[in-house]
Amino acid sequence: LLEVNAMTLATASADGVPSARIVLLKGFSPKGFVFFTNYESFKGKQLA
């Protein structure tokens, strides 16, 4: 499949405002699922 590791990542701010975008899965293990990004991006701020 083309871009088989593409996934929608949905986040929300502290007051519940949602946001979603496509990111790429870069690994998974029994611990969970990993992706990489800029921590100062919009999604990074929502995840903080």
All heavy atoms as atom14 arrays in JSON, in Angstrom:
{
  "sequence": "LLEVNAMTLATASADGVPSARIVLLKGFSPKGFVFFTNYESFKGKQLA",
  "atom14_mask": [
    [1, 1, 1, 1, 1, 1, 1, 1, 0, 0, 0, 0, 0, 0],
    [1, 1, 1, 1, 1, 1, 1, 1, 0, 0, 0, 0, 0, 0],
    [1, 1, 1, 1, 1, 1, 1, 1, 1, 0, 0, 0, 0, 0],
    [1, 1, 1, 1, 1, 1, 1, 0, 0, 0, 0, 0, 0, 0],
    [1, 1, 1, 1, 1, 1, 1, 1, 0, 0, 0, 0, 0, 0],
    [1, 1, 1, 1, 1, 0, 0, 0, 0, 0, 0, 0, 0, 0],
    [1, 1, 1, 1, 1, 1, 1, 1, 0, 0, 0, 0, 0, 0],
    [1, 1, 1, 1, 1, 1, 1, 0, 0, 0, 0, 0, 0, 0],
    [1, 1, 1, 1, 1, 1, 1, 1, 0, 0, 0, 0, 0, 0],
    [1, 1, 1, 1, 1, 0, 0, 0, 0, 0, 0, 0, 0, 0],
    [1, 1, 1, 1, 1, 1, 1, 0, 0, 0, 0, 0, 0, 0],
    [1, 1, 1, 1, 1, 0, 0, 0, 0, 0, 0, 0, 0, 0],
    [1, 1, 1, 1, 1, 1, 0, 0, 0, 0, 0, 0, 0, 0],
    [1, 1, 1, 1, 1, 0, 0, 0, 0, 0, 0, 0, 0, 0],
    [1, 1, 1, 1, 1, 1, 1, 1, 0, 0, 0, 0, 0, 0],
    [1, 1, 1, 1, 0, 0, 0, 0, 0, 0, 0, 0, 0, 0],
    [1, 1, 1, 1, 1, 1, 1, 0, 0, 0, 0, 0, 0, 0],
    [1, 1, 1, 1, 1, 1, 1, 0, 0, 0, 0, 0, 0, 0],
    [1, 1, 1, 1, 1, 1, 0, 0, 0, 0, 0, 0, 0, 0],
    [1, 1, 1, 1, 1, 0, 0, 0, 0, 0, 0, 0, 0, 0],
    [1, 1, 1, 1, 1, 1, 1, 1, 1, 1, 1, 0, 0, 0],
    [1, 1, 1, 1, 1, 1, 1, 1, 0, 0, 0, 0, 0, 0],
    [1, 1, 1, 1, 1, 1, 1, 0, 0, 0, 0, 0, 0, 0],
    [1, 1, 1, 1, 1, 1, 1, 1, 0, 0, 0, 0, 0, 0],
    [1, 1, 1, 1, 1, 1, 1, 1, 0, 0, 0, 0, 0, 0],
    [1, 1, 1, 1, 1, 1, 1, 1, 1, 0, 0, 0, 0, 0],
    [1, 1, 1, 1, 0, 0, 0, 0, 0, 0, 0, 0, 0, 0],
    [1, 1, 1, 1, 1, 1, 1, 1, 1, 1, 1, 0, 0, 0],
    [1, 1, 1, 1, 1, 1, 0, 0, 0, 0, 0, 0, 0, 0],
    [1, 1, 1, 1, 1, 1, 1, 0, 0, 0, 0, 0, 0, 0],
    [1, 1, 1, 1, 1, 1, 1, 1, 1, 0, 0, 0, 0, 0],
    [1, 1, 1, 1, 0, 0, 0, 0, 0, 0, 0, 0, 0, 0],
    [1, 1, 1, 1, 1, 1, 1, 1, 1, 1, 1, 0, 0, 0],
    [1, 1, 1, 1, 1, 1, 1, 0, 0, 0, 0, 0, 0, 0],
    [1, 1, 1, 1, 1, 1, 1, 1, 1, 1, 1, 0, 0, 0],
    [1, 1, 1, 1, 1, 1, 1, 1, 1, 1, 1, 0, 0, 0],
    [1, 1, 1, 1, 1, 1, 1, 0, 0, 0, 0, 0, 0, 0],
    [1, 1, 1, 1, 1, 1, 1, 1, 0, 0, 0, 0, 0, 0],
    [1, 1, 1, 1, 1, 1, 1, 1, 1, 1, 1, 1, 0, 0],
    [1, 1, 1, 1, 1, 1, 1, 1, 1, 0, 0, 0, 0, 0],
    [1, 1, 1, 1, 1, 1, 0, 0, 0, 0, 0, 0, 0, 0],
    [1, 1, 1, 1, 1, 1, 1, 1, 1, 1, 1, 0, 0, 0],
    [1, 1, 1, 1, 1, 1, 1, 1, 1, 0, 0, 0, 0, 0],
    [1, 1, 1, 1, 0, 0, 0, 0, 0, 0, 0, 0, 0, 0],
    [1, 1, 1, 1, 1, 1, 1, 1, 1, 0, 0, 0, 0, 0],
    [1, 1, 1, 1, 1, 1, 1, 1, 1, 0, 0, 0, 0, 0],
    [1, 1, 1, 1, 1, 1, 1, 1, 0, 0, 0, 0, 0, 0],
    [1, 1, 1, 1, 1, 0, 0, 0, 0, 0, 0, 0, 0, 0]
  ],
  "atom14_positions": [
    [[0.83, -1.19, 0.0], [0.0, 0.0, 0.0], [0.87, 1.25, 0.0], [1.94, 1.28, 0.61], [-0.91, 0.02, 1.24], [-1.77, -1.22, 1.48], [-2.68, -0.98, 2.68], [-2.58, -1.56, 0.24], [0.0, 0.0, 0.0], [0.0, 0.0, 0.0], [0.0, 0.0, 0.0], [0.0, 0.0, 0.0], [0.0, 0.0, 0.0], [0.0, 0.0, 0.0]],
    [[0.41, 2.29, -0.66], [1.13, 3.55, -0.71], [1.05, 4.23, 0.65], [-0.05, 4.39, 1.2], [0.54, 4.45, -1.79], [1.23, 5.8, -2.01], [2.66, 5.6, -2.5], [0.45, 6.64, -3.0], [0.0, 0.0, 0.0], [0.0, 0.0, 0.0], [0.0, 0.0, 0.0], [0.0, 0.0, 0.0], [0.0, 0.0, 0.0], [0.0, 0.0, 0.0]],
    [[2.19, 4.62, 1.21], [2.26, 5.27, 2.53], [1.46, 4.5, 3.57], [0.59, 5.03, 4.26], [1.79, 6.72, 2.44], [2.68, 7.58, 1.55], [3.21, 8.82, 2.27], [4.25, 8.7, 2.94], [2.58, 9.87, 2.13], [0.0, 0.0, 0.0], [0.0, 0.0, 0.0], [0.0, 0.0, 0.0], [0.0, 0.0, 0.0], [0.0, 0.0, 0.0]],
    [[1.81, 3.23, 3.7], [1.11, 2.34, 4.61], [1.18, 2.84, 6.05], [0.3, 2.55, 6.87], [1.68, 0.91, 4.49], [3.13, 0.86, 4.94], [0.85, -0.09, 5.28], [0.0, 0.0, 0.0], [0.0, 0.0, 0.0], [0.0, 0.0, 0.0], [0.0, 0.0, 0.0], [0.0, 0.0, 0.0], [0.0, 0.0, 0.0], [0.0, 0.0, 0.0]],
    [[2.22, 3.63, 6.38], [2.38, 4.11, 7.75], [1.74, 5.46, 8.0], [1.92, 6.05, 9.08], [3.87, 4.17, 8.13], [4.68, 5.08, 7.23], [4.33, 5.3, 6.07], [5.78, 5.61, 7.75], [0.0, 0.0, 0.0], [0.0, 0.0, 0.0], [0.0, 0.0, 0.0], [0.0, 0.0, 0.0], [0.0, 0.0, 0.0], [0.0, 0.0, 0.0]],
    [[0.98, 5.98, 7.04], [0.27, 7.24, 7.24], [-0.9, 7.03, 8.19], [-1.66, 6.06, 8.07], [-0.23, 7.8, 5.91], [0.0, 0.0, 0.0], [0.0, 0.0, 0.0], [0.0, 0.0, 0.0], [0.0, 0.0, 0.0], [0.0, 0.0, 0.0], [0.0, 0.0, 0.0], [0.0, 0.0, 0.0], [0.0, 0.0, 0.0], [0.0, 0.0, 0.0]],
    [[-1.06, 7.94, 9.15], [-2.13, 7.8, 10.13], [-2.63, 9.19, 10.51], [-1.88, 10.16, 10.53], [-1.65, 7.05, 11.37], [-0.46, 7.68, 12.08], [0.18, 6.63, 13.42], [1.47, 7.73, 14.09], [0.0, 0.0, 0.0], [0.0, 0.0, 0.0], [0.0, 0.0, 0.0], [0.0, 0.0, 0.0], [0.0, 0.0, 0.0], [0.0, 0.0, 0.0]],
    [[-3.9, 9.27, 10.82], [-4.46, 10.51, 11.35], [-4.12, 10.59, 12.83], [-4.31, 9.63, 13.58], [-5.98, 10.53, 11.19], [-6.3, 10.45, 9.79], [-6.57, 11.82, 11.75], [0.0, 0.0, 0.0], [0.0, 0.0, 0.0], [0.0, 0.0, 0.0], [0.0, 0.0, 0.0], [0.0, 0.0, 0.0], [0.0, 0.0, 0.0], [0.0, 0.0, 0.0]],
    [[-3.59, 11.74, 13.23], [-3.31, 12.01, 14.64], [-4.28, 13.09, 15.1], [-4.26, 14.21, 14.6], [-1.87, 12.49, 14.82], [-1.53, 13.14, 16.17], [-1.63, 12.13, 17.3], [-0.16, 13.78, 16.12], [0.0, 0.0, 0.0], [0.0, 0.0, 0.0], [0.0, 0.0, 0.0], [0.0, 0.0, 0.0], [0.0, 0.0, 0.0], [0.0, 0.0, 0.0]],
    [[-5.13, 12.75, 16.05], [-6.08, 13.71, 16.62], [-5.62, 14.09, 18.03], [-5.32, 13.21, 18.84], [-7.48, 13.13, 16.66], [0.0, 0.0, 0.0], [0.0, 0.0, 0.0], [0.0, 0.0, 0.0], [0.0, 0.0, 0.0], [0.0, 0.0, 0.0], [0.0, 0.0, 0.0], [0.0, 0.0, 0.0], [0.0, 0.0, 0.0], [0.0, 0.0, 0.0]],
    [[-5.58, 15.4, 18.28], [-5.22, 15.93, 19.59], [-6.28, 16.94, 20.01], [-7.14, 17.31, 19.22], [-3.83, 16.6, 19.55], [-3.85, 17.63, 18.56], [-2.74, 15.6, 19.19], [0.0, 0.0, 0.0], [0.0, 0.0, 0.0], [0.0, 0.0, 0.0], [0.0, 0.0, 0.0], [0.0, 0.0, 0.0], [0.0, 0.0, 0.0], [0.0, 0.0, 0.0]],
    [[-6.16, 17.42, 21.24], [-7.09, 18.44, 21.72], [-6.37, 19.32, 22.73], [-5.48, 18.87, 23.45], [-8.32, 17.81, 22.35], [0.0, 0.0, 0.0], [0.0, 0.0, 0.0], [0.0, 0.0, 0.0], [0.0, 0.0, 0.0], [0.0, 0.0, 0.0], [0.0, 0.0, 0.0], [0.0, 0.0, 0.0], [0.0, 0.0, 0.0], [0.0, 0.0, 0.0]],
    [[-6.79, 20.58, 22.77], [-6.23, 21.51, 23.74], [-6.79, 21.19, 25.13], [-7.68, 20.35, 25.29], [-6.58, 22.94, 23.34], [-7.99, 23.11, 23.3], [0.0, 0.0, 0.0], [0.0, 0.0, 0.0], [0.0, 0.0, 0.0], [0.0, 0.0, 0.0], [0.0, 0.0, 0.0], [0.0, 0.0, 0.0], [0.0, 0.0, 0.0], [0.0, 0.0, 0.0]],
    [[-6.3, 21.91, 26.13], [-6.77, 21.68, 27.5], [-8.27, 21.93, 27.64], [-8.95, 21.28, 28.45], [-5.99, 22.57, 28.46], [0.0, 0.0, 0.0], [0.0, 0.0, 0.0], [0.0, 0.0, 0.0], [0.0, 0.0, 0.0], [0.0, 0.0, 0.0], [0.0, 0.0, 0.0], [0.0, 0.0, 0.0], [0.0, 0.0, 0.0], [0.0, 0.0, 0.0]],
    [[-8.81, 22.85, 26.83], [-10.25, 23.14, 26.9], [-11.05, 22.34, 25.88], [-12.22, 22.64, 25.64], [-10.51, 24.63, 26.76], [-9.95, 25.21, 25.46], [-9.28, 24.46, 24.72], [-10.18, 26.4, 25.19], [0.0, 0.0, 0.0], [0.0, 0.0, 0.0], [0.0, 0.0, 0.0], [0.0, 0.0, 0.0], [0.0, 0.0, 0.0], [0.0, 0.0, 0.0]],
    [[-10.43, 21.33, 25.27], [-11.17, 20.39, 24.45], [-11.32, 20.74, 22.99], [-12.06, 20.07, 22.27], [0.0, 0.0, 0.0], [0.0, 0.0, 0.0], [0.0, 0.0, 0.0], [0.0, 0.0, 0.0], [0.0, 0.0, 0.0], [0.0, 0.0, 0.0], [0.0, 0.0, 0.0], [0.0, 0.0, 0.0], [0.0, 0.0, 0.0], [0.0, 0.0, 0.0]],
    [[-10.62, 21.78, 22.5], [-10.7, 22.12, 21.07], [-9.87, 21.1, 20.28], [-8.66, 20.99, 20.5], [-10.18, 23.54, 20.81], [-10.21, 23.84, 19.32], [-11.02, 24.56, 21.58], [0.0, 0.0, 0.0], [0.0, 0.0, 0.0], [0.0, 0.0, 0.0], [0.0, 0.0, 0.0], [0.0, 0.0, 0.0], [0.0, 0.0, 0.0], [0.0, 0.0, 0.0]],
    [[-10.5, 20.35, 19.36], [-9.79, 19.28, 18.66], [-9.02, 19.77, 17.44], [-9.29, 20.84, 16.88], [-10.91, 18.34, 18.24], [-12.06, 19.27, 17.98], [-11.93, 20.37, 19.0], [0.0, 0.0, 0.0], [0.0, 0.0, 0.0], [0.0, 0.0, 0.0], [0.0, 0.0, 0.0], [0.0, 0.0, 0.0], [0.0, 0.0, 0.0], [0.0, 0.0, 0.0]],
    [[-8.08, 18.95, 17.02], [-7.32, 19.19, 15.8], [-6.83, 17.85, 15.29], [-6.57, 16.94, 16.08], [-6.14, 20.13, 16.07], [-5.42, 20.39, 14.89], [0.0, 0.0, 0.0], [0.0, 0.0, 0.0], [0.0, 0.0, 0.0], [0.0, 0.0, 0.0], [0.0, 0.0, 0.0], [0.0, 0.0, 0.0], [0.0, 0.0, 0.0], [0.0, 0.0, 0.0]],
    [[-6.71, 17.7, 13.97], [-6.25, 16.44, 13.4], [-5.42, 16.7, 12.17], [-5.61, 17.7, 11.47], [-7.44, 15.54, 13.07], [0.0, 0.0, 0.0], [0.0, 0.0, 0.0], [0.0, 0.0, 0.0], [0.0, 0.0, 0.0], [0.0, 0.0, 0.0], [0.0, 0.0, 0.0], [0.0, 0.0, 0.0], [0.0, 0.0, 0.0], [0.0, 0.0, 0.0]],
    [[-4.48, 15.8, 11.92], [-3.62, 15.89, 10.75], [-3.03, 14.5, 10.48], [-3.13, 13.61, 11.31], [-2.49, 16.92, 10.92], [-1.37, 16.48, 11.84], [-1.73, 16.34, 13.29], [-1.95, 17.64, 13.92], [-2.63, 17.81, 15.03], [-3.18, 16.77, 15.64], [-2.78, 19.0, 15.57], [0.0, 0.0, 0.0], [0.0, 0.0, 0.0], [0.0, 0.0, 0.0]],
    [[-2.43, 14.34, 9.29], [-1.77, 13.08, 8.95], [-0.31, 13.15, 9.35], [0.39, 14.11, 9.04], [-1.87, 12.78, 7.45], [-3.34, 12.77, 6.99], [-1.21, 11.44, 7.12], [-4.2, 11.72, 7.63], [0.0, 0.0, 0.0], [0.0, 0.0, 0.0], [0.0, 0.0, 0.0], [0.0, 0.0, 0.0], [0.0, 0.0, 0.0], [0.0, 0.0, 0.0]],
    [[0.16, 12.12, 10.07], [1.57, 11.97, 10.39], [1.98, 10.55, 10.01], [1.15, 9.76, 9.57], [1.86, 12.25, 11.89], [1.48, 13.68, 12.26], [1.12, 11.25, 12.78], [0.0, 0.0, 0.0], [0.0, 0.0, 0.0], [0.0, 0.0, 0.0], [0.0, 0.0, 0.0], [0.0, 0.0, 0.0], [0.0, 0.0, 0.0], [0.0, 0.0, 0.0]],
    [[3.25, 10.24, 10.19], [3.75, 8.92, 9.8], [4.19, 8.12, 11.02], [4.94, 8.62, 11.86], [4.93, 9.06, 8.83], [4.62, 9.75, 7.51], [5.89, 9.86, 6.66], [3.53, 9.03, 6.73], [0.0, 0.0, 0.0], [0.0, 0.0, 0.0], [0.0, 0.0, 0.0], [0.0, 0.0, 0.0], [0.0, 0.0, 0.0], [0.0, 0.0, 0.0]],
    [[3.71, 6.9, 11.1], [4.16, 5.98, 12.13], [5.62, 5.63, 11.87], [6.0, 5.3, 10.75], [3.32, 4.7, 12.1], [3.72, 3.59, 13.08], [3.38, 4.0, 14.51], [3.05, 2.27, 12.71], [0.0, 0.0, 0.0], [0.0, 0.0, 0.0], [0.0, 0.0, 0.0], [0.0, 0.0, 0.0], [0.0, 0.0, 0.0], [0.0, 0.0, 0.0]],
    [[6.45, 5.69, 12.92], [7.87, 5.38, 12.75], [8.32, 4.21, 13.6], [9.51, 3.87, 13.62], [8.71, 6.63, 13.07], [8.57, 7.71, 12.01], [9.0, 7.22, 10.64], [8.83, 8.27, 9.56], [9.25, 7.77, 8.22], [0.0, 0.0, 0.0], [0.0, 0.0, 0.0], [0.0, 0.0, 0.0], [0.0, 0.0, 0.0], [0.0, 0.0, 0.0]],
    [[7.4, 3.6, 14.29], [7.74, 2.4, 15.05], [6.61, 2.03, 15.98], [5.8, 2.87, 16.37], [0.0, 0.0, 0.0], [0.0, 0.0, 0.0], [0.0, 0.0, 0.0], [0.0, 0.0, 0.0], [0.0, 0.0, 0.0], [0.0, 0.0, 0.0], [0.0, 0.0, 0.0], [0.0, 0.0, 0.0], [0.0, 0.0, 0.0], [0.0, 0.0, 0.0]],
    [[6.53, 0.74, 16.31], [5.6, 0.29, 17.34], [6.19, -0.92, 18.05], [7.03, -1.65, 17.5], [4.21, -0.01, 16.77], [4.12, -1.22, 15.88], [3.77, -2.47, 16.38], [4.39, -1.12, 14.51], [3.68, -3.58, 15.56], [4.29, -2.22, 13.68], [3.95, -3.45, 14.21], [0.0, 0.0, 0.0], [0.0, 0.0, 0.0], [0.0, 0.0, 0.0]],
    [[5.77, -1.09, 19.29], [6.28, -2.15, 20.15], [5.2, -2.43, 21.2], [4.15, -1.77, 21.2], [7.57, -1.7, 20.83], [7.29, -0.7, 21.81], [0.0, 0.0, 0.0], [0.0, 0.0, 0.0], [0.0, 0.0, 0.0], [0.0, 0.0, 0.0], [0.0, 0.0, 0.0], [0.0, 0.0, 0.0], [0.0, 0.0, 0.0], [0.0, 0.0, 0.0]],
    [[5.43, -3.37, 22.1], [4.44, -3.58, 23.17], [4.16, -2.32, 23.99], [3.1, -2.22, 24.62], [5.09, -4.68, 24.02], [5.91, -5.47, 23.04], [6.46, -4.44, 22.11], [0.0, 0.0, 0.0], [0.0, 0.0, 0.0], [0.0, 0.0, 0.0], [0.0, 0.0, 0.0], [0.0, 0.0, 0.0], [0.0, 0.0, 0.0], [0.0, 0.0, 0.0]],
    [[5.08, -1.35, 23.97], [4.87, -0.11, 24.71], [3.86, 0.8, 24.02], [3.14, 1.55, 24.68], [6.19, 0.65, 24.87], [7.21, -0.04, 25.75], [8.47, 0.8, 25.86], [9.51, 0.15, 26.74], [10.75, 0.98, 26.84], [0.0, 0.0, 0.0], [0.0, 0.0, 0.0], [0.0, 0.0, 0.0], [0.0, 0.0, 0.0], [0.0, 0.0, 0.0]],
    [[3.82, 0.8, 22.67], [2.91, 1.68, 21.96], [3.43, 2.08, 20.6], [4.26, 1.38, 20.0], [0.0, 0.0, 0.0], [0.0, 0.0, 0.0], [0.0, 0.0, 0.0], [0.0, 0.0, 0.0], [0.0, 0.0, 0.0], [0.0, 0.0, 0.0], [0.0, 0.0, 0.0], [0.0, 0.0, 0.0], [0.0, 0.0, 0.0], [0.0, 0.0, 0.0]],
    [[2.99, 3.26, 20.13], [3.19, 3.7, 18.75], [3.95, 5.03, 18.75], [3.62, 5.94, 19.5], [1.83, 3.84, 18.06], [1.07, 2.54, 18.03], [0.34, 2.12, 19.14], [1.12, 1.73, 16.92], [-0.34, 0.91, 19.13], [0.44, 0.51, 16.9], [-0.29, 0.1, 18.01], [0.0, 0.0, 0.0], [0.0, 0.0, 0.0], [0.0, 0.0, 0.0]],
    [[4.94, 5.14, 17.87], [5.86, 6.27, 17.89], [5.76, 7.09, 16.61], [5.7, 6.54, 15.5], [7.32, 5.78, 18.07], [8.31, 6.94, 17.96], [7.49, 5.08, 19.42], [0.0, 0.0, 0.0], [0.0, 0.0, 0.0], [0.0, 0.0, 0.0], [0.0, 0.0, 0.0], [0.0, 0.0, 0.0], [0.0, 0.0, 0.0], [0.0, 0.0, 0.0]],
    [[5.75, 8.41, 16.78], [5.9, 9.33, 15.65], [6.8, 10.47, 16.11], [7.04, 10.66, 17.31], [4.55, 9.87, 15.16], [3.83, 10.75, 16.15], [3.97, 12.13, 16.11], [3.01, 10.2, 17.13], [3.32, 12.96, 17.02], [2.36, 11.02, 18.05], [2.51, 12.39, 17.99], [0.0, 0.0, 0.0], [0.0, 0.0, 0.0], [0.0, 0.0, 0.0]],
    [[7.32, 11.25, 15.15], [8.25, 12.33, 15.45], [7.73, 13.65, 14.88], [7.08, 13.67, 13.84], [9.64, 12.02, 14.86], [10.31, 10.85, 15.52], [10.05, 9.56, 15.11], [11.2, 11.05, 16.56], [10.65, 8.47, 15.73], [11.81, 9.98, 17.19], [11.55, 8.69, 16.78], [0.0, 0.0, 0.0], [0.0, 0.0, 0.0], [0.0, 0.0, 0.0]],
    [[8.06, 14.74, 15.57], [7.6, 16.05, 15.13], [8.35, 17.15, 15.87], [9.21, 16.88, 16.71], [6.08, 16.2, 15.35], [5.61, 17.37, 14.7], [5.74, 16.29, 16.83], [0.0, 0.0, 0.0], [0.0, 0.0, 0.0], [0.0, 0.0, 0.0], [0.0, 0.0, 0.0], [0.0, 0.0, 0.0], [0.0, 0.0, 0.0], [0.0, 0.0, 0.0]],
    [[7.98, 18.38, 15.57], [8.49, 19.55, 16.28], [7.66, 19.73, 17.55], [6.44, 19.89, 17.48], [8.38, 20.77, 15.35], [8.99, 22.02, 15.92], [8.87, 22.3, 17.11], [9.66, 22.79, 15.07], [0.0, 0.0, 0.0], [0.0, 0.0, 0.0], [0.0, 0.0, 0.0], [0.0, 0.0, 0.0], [0.0, 0.0, 0.0], [0.0, 0.0, 0.0]],
    [[8.31, 19.71, 18.7], [7.58, 19.85, 19.96], [6.9, 21.22, 20.1], [5.98, 21.38, 20.89], [8.51, 19.64, 21.15], [9.05, 18.23, 21.31], [10.35, 18.0, 21.76], [8.25, 17.13, 21.06], [10.84, 16.72, 21.93], [8.73, 15.83, 21.22], [10.04, 15.64, 21.65], [10.51, 14.35, 21.83], [0.0, 0.0, 0.0], [0.0, 0.0, 0.0]],
    [[7.37, 22.2, 19.32], [6.8, 23.54, 19.4], [5.72, 23.77, 18.34], [5.2, 24.88, 18.22], [7.9, 24.59, 19.26], [8.92, 24.54, 20.4], [10.05, 25.53, 20.24], [10.14, 26.17, 19.15], [10.85, 25.67, 21.17], [0.0, 0.0, 0.0], [0.0, 0.0, 0.0], [0.0, 0.0, 0.0], [0.0, 0.0, 0.0], [0.0, 0.0, 0.0]],
    [[5.37, 22.73, 17.58], [4.31, 22.83, 16.59], [2.96, 22.91, 17.3], [2.86, 22.75, 18.52], [4.33, 21.61, 15.67], [4.03, 20.43, 16.41], [0.0, 0.0, 0.0], [0.0, 0.0, 0.0], [0.0, 0.0, 0.0], [0.0, 0.0, 0.0], [0.0, 0.0, 0.0], [0.0, 0.0, 0.0], [0.0, 0.0, 0.0], [0.0, 0.0, 0.0]],
    [[1.9, 23.13, 16.52], [0.56, 23.21, 17.11], [0.2, 21.93, 17.83], [-0.32, 21.95, 18.95], [-0.46, 23.54, 16.02], [-1.85, 23.78, 16.55], [-2.15, 24.94, 17.25], [-2.85, 22.84, 16.37], [-3.43, 25.15, 17.75], [-4.12, 23.05, 16.86], [-4.41, 24.22, 17.56], [0.0, 0.0, 0.0], [0.0, 0.0, 0.0], [0.0, 0.0, 0.0]],
    [[0.48, 20.78, 17.21], [0.16, 19.52, 17.86], [1.01, 19.31, 19.1], [0.54, 18.76, 20.12], [0.3, 18.34, 16.89], [1.65, 18.16, 16.24], [1.58, 17.02, 15.24], [2.81, 16.94, 14.35], [2.92, 18.11, 13.45], [0.0, 0.0, 0.0], [0.0, 0.0, 0.0], [0.0, 0.0, 0.0], [0.0, 0.0, 0.0], [0.0, 0.0, 0.0]],
    [[2.28, 19.76, 19.04], [3.14, 19.65, 20.21], [2.61, 20.47, 21.38], [2.64, 20.02, 22.53], [0.0, 0.0, 0.0], [0.0, 0.0, 0.0], [0.0, 0.0, 0.0], [0.0, 0.0, 0.0], [0.0, 0.0, 0.0], [0.0, 0.0, 0.0], [0.0, 0.0, 0.0], [0.0, 0.0, 0.0], [0.0, 0.0, 0.0], [0.0, 0.0, 0.0]],
    [[2.11, 21.66, 21.1], [1.55, 22.51, 22.15], [0.28, 21.89, 22.73], [0.05, 21.93, 23.95], [1.28, 23.9, 21.59], [2.55, 24.67, 21.25], [2.25, 26.01, 20.6], [3.53, 26.76, 20.25], [3.27, 28.03, 19.55], [0.0, 0.0, 0.0], [0.0, 0.0, 0.0], [0.0, 0.0, 0.0], [0.0, 0.0, 0.0], [0.0, 0.0, 0.0]],
    [[-0.56, 21.3, 21.85], [-1.76, 20.65, 22.37], [-1.4, 19.44, 23.23], [-2.02, 19.21, 24.28], [-2.68, 20.23, 21.22], [-3.43, 21.38, 20.59], [-4.67, 20.92, 19.83], [-4.68, 19.87, 19.2], [-5.72, 21.72, 19.88], [0.0, 0.0, 0.0], [0.0, 0.0, 0.0], [0.0, 0.0, 0.0], [0.0, 0.0, 0.0], [0.0, 0.0, 0.0]],
    [[-0.4, 18.68, 22.82], [-0.01, 17.51, 23.6], [0.62, 17.91, 24.93], [0.53, 17.16, 25.91], [0.96, 16.64, 22.78], [0.3, 15.87, 21.63], [1.35, 15.22, 20.75], [-0.67, 14.82, 22.17], [0.0, 0.0, 0.0], [0.0, 0.0, 0.0], [0.0, 0.0, 0.0], [0.0, 0.0, 0.0], [0.0, 0.0, 0.0], [0.0, 0.0, 0.0]],
    [[1.27, 19.07, 24.98], [1.8, 19.56, 26.24], [0.66, 19.91, 27.2], [0.75, 19.68, 28.41], [2.7, 20.77, 26.01], [0.0, 0.0, 0.0], [0.0, 0.0, 0.0], [0.0, 0.0, 0.0], [0.0, 0.0, 0.0], [0.0, 0.0, 0.0], [0.0, 0.0, 0.0], [0.0, 0.0, 0.0], [0.0, 0.0, 0.0], [0.0, 0.0, 0.0]]
  ]
}
